């Protein structure tokens, strides 16, 4: 590292990162802990079609304020 760079790294979860990105463009949002919403507990995709992934990882949720969108869920498929 260069001398002018800090040696401290701040760990952020995916909801924290997306919430910060939304704040940069003027959207007020608040990240929540993983597993605190009922929508996180169900299946994400239909199991009837062969092209849908079976393994989906929940990365958390973001509450969006003053918008038609209430909650954004971040998932990872693979």
Protein backbone atom coordinates (compact mmCIF):
# COMPACT_ATOMS: atom_id res chain seq x y z
CA UNK A 1 0.00 0.00 0.00
CA UNK A 2 1.00 3.57 -0.48
CA UNK A 3 1.79 5.73 2.51
CA UNK A 4 -1.24 7.95 1.90
CA UNK A 5 -3.70 5.03 1.99
CA UNK A 6 -5.37 3.91 5.18
CA UNK A 7 -4.71 0.42 6.54
CA UNK A 8 -8.23 0.18 8.00
CA UNK A 9 -10.92 -1.62 6.01
CA UNK A 10 -14.57 -1.26 6.95
CA UNK A 11 -16.57 -4.47 6.36
CA UNK A 12 -20.02 -3.82 4.90
CA UNK A 13 -22.79 -6.27 4.10
CA UNK A 14 -24.57 -6.19 0.73
CA UNK A 15 -27.59 -4.27 2.10
CA UNK A 16 -25.25 -1.66 3.60
CA UNK A 17 -23.43 -1.27 0.27
CA UNK A 18 -26.67 -0.91 -1.72
CA UNK A 19 -28.12 1.49 0.85
CA UNK A 20 -25.00 3.69 0.52
CA UNK A 21 -25.29 3.60 -3.28
CA UNK A 22 -28.94 4.66 -3.07
CA UNK A 23 -28.03 7.54 -0.75
CA UNK A 24 -25.49 8.78 -3.32
CA UNK A 25 -28.29 9.22 -5.88
CA UNK A 26 -30.68 10.82 -3.38
CA UNK A 27 -32.86 7.84 -2.42
CA UNK A 28 -33.51 7.53 1.32
CA UNK A 29 -33.21 3.92 2.46
CA UNK A 30 -32.44 1.81 5.50
CA UNK A 31 -30.84 -1.63 5.55
CA UNK A 32 -32.17 -4.41 7.75
CA UNK A 33 -30.62 -7.50 9.31
CA UNK A 34 -30.80 -10.78 7.40
CA UNK A 35 -33.81 -12.91 8.31
CA UNK A 36 -35.98 -10.20 9.90
CA UNK A 37 -38.70 -10.19 7.20
CA UNK A 38 -41.30 -12.83 6.35
CA UNK A 39 -40.53 -12.51 2.62
CA UNK A 40 -37.05 -13.91 3.27
CA UNK A 41 -38.37 -17.23 4.54
CA UNK A 42 -40.20 -18.51 1.43
CA UNK A 43 -39.04 -19.97 -1.88
CA UNK A 44 -37.64 -17.45 -4.32
CA UNK A 45 -38.26 -19.33 -7.57
CA UNK A 46 -40.71 -21.89 -8.85
CA UNK A 47 -39.53 -25.51 -8.58
CA UNK A 48 -41.65 -26.64 -11.55
CA UNK A 49 -39.35 -25.37 -14.31
CA UNK A 50 -35.96 -26.92 -15.03
CA UNK A 51 -34.17 -23.64 -15.80
CA UNK A 52 -34.76 -22.07 -12.40
CA UNK A 53 -31.93 -22.37 -9.90
CA UNK A 54 -32.44 -24.51 -6.82
CA UNK A 55 -29.82 -22.84 -4.65
CA UNK A 56 -30.61 -19.23 -3.76
CA UNK A 57 -28.85 -17.28 -1.02
CA UNK A 58 -30.60 -14.48 0.84
CA UNK A 59 -28.33 -11.45 1.24
CA UNK A 60 -30.76 -9.20 3.14
CA UNK A 61 -33.37 -6.47 2.63
CA UNK A 62 -33.48 -2.71 2.24
CA UNK A 63 -36.44 -0.49 3.19
CA UNK A 64 -36.95 2.37 0.71
CA UNK A 65 -38.61 5.48 2.12
CA UNK A 66 -40.85 7.98 0.26
CA UNK A 67 -41.25 5.68 -2.74
CA UNK A 68 -43.75 3.27 -4.31
CA UNK A 69 -41.25 0.51 -3.51
CA UNK A 70 -41.43 -0.64 0.11
CA UNK A 71 -38.73 -3.30 0.39
CA UNK A 72 -35.93 -4.58 -1.84
CA UNK A 73 -34.67 -8.09 -1.22
CA UNK A 74 -31.14 -8.93 -2.33
CA UNK A 75 -30.65 -12.57 -3.39
CA UNK A 76 -27.84 -14.51 -5.03
CA UNK A 77 -28.57 -17.45 -7.30
CA UNK A 78 -26.18 -20.13 -8.25
